[in-house]
N, C-alpha and C. Protein backbone atom coordinates (compact mmCIF):
# COMPACT_ATOMS: atom_id res chain seq x y z
N MET A 1 0.87 -1.18 0.02
CA MET A 1 0.01 0.04 -0.01
C MET A 1 0.89 1.23 -0.03
N THR A 2 0.41 2.22 -0.67
CA THR A 2 1.13 3.51 -0.71
C THR A 2 0.59 4.41 0.43
N ALA A 3 1.37 5.42 0.66
CA ALA A 3 0.91 6.38 1.72
C ALA A 3 -0.38 7.04 1.46
N GLU A 4 -0.80 7.18 0.11
CA GLU A 4 -2.04 7.78 -0.15
C GLU A 4 -3.26 6.87 0.14
N ASN A 5 -3.02 5.59 0.12
CA ASN A 5 -4.16 4.70 0.43
C ASN A 5 -4.35 4.56 1.88
N GLN A 6 -3.40 4.99 2.72
CA GLN A 6 -3.55 4.86 4.15
C GLN A 6 -4.09 6.11 4.84
N LYS A 7 -4.23 7.21 4.04
CA LYS A 7 -4.66 8.44 4.64
C LYS A 7 -6.10 8.38 5.21
N PRO A 8 -7.09 7.81 4.44
CA PRO A 8 -8.50 7.73 5.11
C PRO A 8 -8.56 6.95 6.30
N GLY A 9 -7.78 5.89 6.39
CA GLY A 9 -7.73 5.16 7.67
C GLY A 9 -7.20 5.91 8.86
N LEU A 10 -6.08 6.70 8.59
CA LEU A 10 -5.55 7.53 9.63
C LEU A 10 -6.51 8.63 10.03
N TRP A 11 -7.26 9.22 9.09
CA TRP A 11 -8.25 10.23 9.50
C TRP A 11 -9.34 9.57 10.28
N LEU A 12 -9.76 8.38 9.90
CA LEU A 12 -10.78 7.69 10.61
C LEU A 12 -10.37 7.37 12.06
N ARG A 13 -9.08 6.86 12.24
CA ARG A 13 -8.54 6.62 13.55
C ARG A 13 -8.48 8.00 14.32
N GLY A 14 -8.00 9.01 13.71
CA GLY A 14 -7.96 10.26 14.42
C GLY A 14 -9.25 10.86 14.88
N LEU A 15 -10.27 10.76 13.96
CA LEU A 15 -11.68 11.14 14.40
C LEU A 15 -12.25 10.30 15.51
N LEU A 16 -11.99 8.94 15.46
CA LEU A 16 -12.43 8.10 16.55
C LEU A 16 -11.78 8.43 17.80
N THR A 17 -10.49 8.63 17.73
CA THR A 17 -9.72 9.03 18.94
C THR A 17 -10.26 10.33 19.53
N ALA A 18 -10.57 11.28 18.74
CA ALA A 18 -11.03 12.61 19.24
C ALA A 18 -12.39 12.42 19.88
N GLY A 19 -13.20 11.60 19.25
CA GLY A 19 -14.57 11.36 19.79
C GLY A 19 -14.55 10.62 21.09
N LEU A 20 -13.68 9.56 21.17
CA LEU A 20 -13.52 8.86 22.50
C LEU A 20 -13.03 9.80 23.59
N TYR A 21 -12.01 10.66 23.19
CA TYR A 21 -11.52 11.56 24.22
C TYR A 21 -12.64 12.50 24.62
N ALA A 22 -13.41 13.06 23.74
CA ALA A 22 -14.48 13.94 24.09
C ALA A 22 -15.51 13.33 25.02
N VAL A 23 -15.80 12.00 24.74
CA VAL A 23 -16.67 11.37 25.67
C VAL A 23 -16.19 11.16 27.09
N ALA A 24 -14.88 10.87 27.10
CA ALA A 24 -14.11 10.76 28.45
C ALA A 24 -14.14 12.09 29.19
N VAL A 25 -13.94 13.13 28.47
CA VAL A 25 -14.00 14.41 29.18
C VAL A 25 -15.37 14.75 29.69
N GLY A 26 -16.35 14.35 28.85
CA GLY A 26 -17.81 14.59 29.26
C GLY A 26 -18.08 13.77 30.44
N MET A 27 -17.64 12.55 30.48
CA MET A 27 -17.92 11.74 31.70
C MET A 27 -17.15 12.27 32.94
N LEU A 28 -15.93 12.79 32.77
CA LEU A 28 -15.31 13.50 33.95
C LEU A 28 -16.08 14.65 34.38
N ALA A 29 -16.64 15.43 33.43
CA ALA A 29 -17.42 16.54 33.79
C ALA A 29 -18.66 16.25 34.57
N LEU A 30 -19.29 15.02 34.23
CA LEU A 30 -20.45 14.60 34.97
C LEU A 30 -20.13 14.29 36.47
N SER A 31 -18.91 13.88 36.74
CA SER A 31 -18.57 13.58 38.06
C SER A 31 -18.13 14.78 38.91
N LEU A 32 -18.03 15.92 38.26
CA LEU A 32 -17.59 17.15 39.05
C LEU A 32 -18.46 17.58 40.15
N PRO A 33 -19.84 17.50 40.06
CA PRO A 33 -20.62 17.87 41.20
C PRO A 33 -20.32 17.16 42.50
N ALA A 34 -19.77 15.88 42.45
CA ALA A 34 -19.59 15.14 43.58
C ALA A 34 -18.17 15.35 44.09
N VAL A 35 -17.32 16.10 43.36
CA VAL A 35 -15.92 16.36 43.89
C VAL A 35 -15.95 17.33 45.01
N GLY A 36 -15.25 16.97 46.07
CA GLY A 36 -15.16 17.88 47.23
C GLY A 36 -16.30 17.77 48.18
N VAL A 37 -17.25 16.96 47.88
CA VAL A 37 -18.37 16.68 48.82
C VAL A 37 -17.99 15.66 49.82
N GLU A 38 -18.08 16.01 51.08
CA GLU A 38 -17.79 15.07 52.13
C GLU A 38 -18.86 13.94 52.16
N ASN A 39 -18.30 12.74 52.33
CA ASN A 39 -19.17 11.56 52.53
C ASN A 39 -19.57 11.45 54.02
N THR A 40 -20.69 11.72 54.36
CA THR A 40 -21.19 11.66 55.74
C THR A 40 -22.35 10.72 55.68
N PRO A 41 -22.78 10.23 56.92
CA PRO A 41 -24.01 9.34 56.89
C PRO A 41 -25.25 9.98 56.26
N THR A 42 -25.28 11.32 56.21
CA THR A 42 -26.50 11.97 55.70
C THR A 42 -26.28 12.32 54.20
N SER A 43 -25.07 12.06 53.66
CA SER A 43 -24.95 12.46 52.27
C SER A 43 -25.62 11.45 51.33
N ASP A 44 -25.87 11.83 50.09
CA ASP A 44 -26.59 10.96 49.18
C ASP A 44 -25.64 9.91 48.66
N PRO A 45 -25.90 8.62 48.87
CA PRO A 45 -25.07 7.51 48.37
C PRO A 45 -25.18 7.41 46.84
N ASP A 46 -26.32 7.75 46.33
CA ASP A 46 -26.46 7.68 44.88
C ASP A 46 -25.54 8.68 44.10
N THR A 47 -25.34 9.80 44.74
CA THR A 47 -24.41 10.80 44.14
C THR A 47 -22.98 10.21 44.11
N ALA A 48 -22.57 9.61 45.16
CA ALA A 48 -21.23 9.03 45.22
C ALA A 48 -21.05 7.86 44.21
N ALA A 49 -22.09 6.99 44.20
CA ALA A 49 -22.13 5.86 43.29
C ALA A 49 -22.08 6.34 41.84
N GLY A 50 -22.84 7.38 41.50
CA GLY A 50 -22.87 7.88 40.19
C GLY A 50 -21.61 8.55 39.74
N ALA A 51 -20.95 9.25 40.67
CA ALA A 51 -19.72 9.87 40.36
C ALA A 51 -18.64 8.73 40.13
N PHE A 52 -18.67 7.67 41.05
CA PHE A 52 -17.72 6.59 40.81
C PHE A 52 -17.93 5.91 39.42
N PHE A 53 -19.21 5.68 39.08
CA PHE A 53 -19.53 5.09 37.81
C PHE A 53 -19.00 5.94 36.65
N CYS A 54 -19.14 7.22 36.74
CA CYS A 54 -18.70 8.17 35.72
C CYS A 54 -17.15 8.12 35.57
N LEU A 55 -16.46 8.06 36.75
CA LEU A 55 -15.01 7.96 36.75
C LEU A 55 -14.57 6.64 36.17
N VAL A 56 -15.24 5.56 36.44
CA VAL A 56 -14.85 4.29 35.87
C VAL A 56 -15.03 4.30 34.31
N LEU A 57 -16.16 4.90 33.88
CA LEU A 57 -16.40 4.92 32.42
C LEU A 57 -15.40 5.82 31.70
N SER A 58 -15.11 6.87 32.39
CA SER A 58 -14.09 7.81 31.75
C SER A 58 -12.71 7.12 31.59
N THR A 59 -12.36 6.27 32.63
CA THR A 59 -11.13 5.61 32.58
C THR A 59 -11.11 4.53 31.44
N LEU A 60 -12.30 3.85 31.26
CA LEU A 60 -12.40 2.89 30.20
C LEU A 60 -12.38 3.67 28.80
N PHE A 61 -12.98 4.77 28.70
CA PHE A 61 -12.87 5.56 27.45
C PHE A 61 -11.48 6.07 27.19
N LEU A 62 -10.82 6.44 28.24
CA LEU A 62 -9.40 6.86 27.99
C LEU A 62 -8.52 5.78 27.62
N ALA A 63 -8.77 4.54 28.16
CA ALA A 63 -7.99 3.36 27.76
C ALA A 63 -8.26 2.99 26.27
N ALA A 64 -9.58 3.14 25.90
CA ALA A 64 -9.91 2.87 24.53
C ALA A 64 -9.27 3.92 23.59
N THR A 65 -9.26 5.20 24.05
CA THR A 65 -8.59 6.17 23.26
C THR A 65 -7.07 5.92 23.01
N ALA A 66 -6.39 5.52 24.11
CA ALA A 66 -5.07 5.06 23.97
C ALA A 66 -4.87 3.92 23.02
N GLY A 67 -5.78 2.95 23.08
CA GLY A 67 -5.67 1.80 22.18
C GLY A 67 -5.92 2.15 20.77
N VAL A 68 -6.72 3.01 20.46
CA VAL A 68 -7.03 3.36 19.08
C VAL A 68 -5.94 4.30 18.52
N SER A 69 -5.39 5.13 19.40
CA SER A 69 -4.37 6.10 18.91
C SER A 69 -3.05 5.29 18.78
N PHE A 70 -2.84 4.26 19.45
CA PHE A 70 -1.58 3.55 19.44
C PHE A 70 -1.57 2.85 18.04
């Protein structure tokens, strides 16, 4: 294959990487409301669980981004 035949694939990988990165940043932004909130017995456990879930998903999306860009 010549370099010209590989350009569409590189653009597709670049766009996929950018999209995955944008989703990861969005998931991190969703967890921001729970940052700095003290966990007390009266705090909402659903907020903490949701923030943890968003952080786990953002980690998975960042790992997928690294895999696609590699």
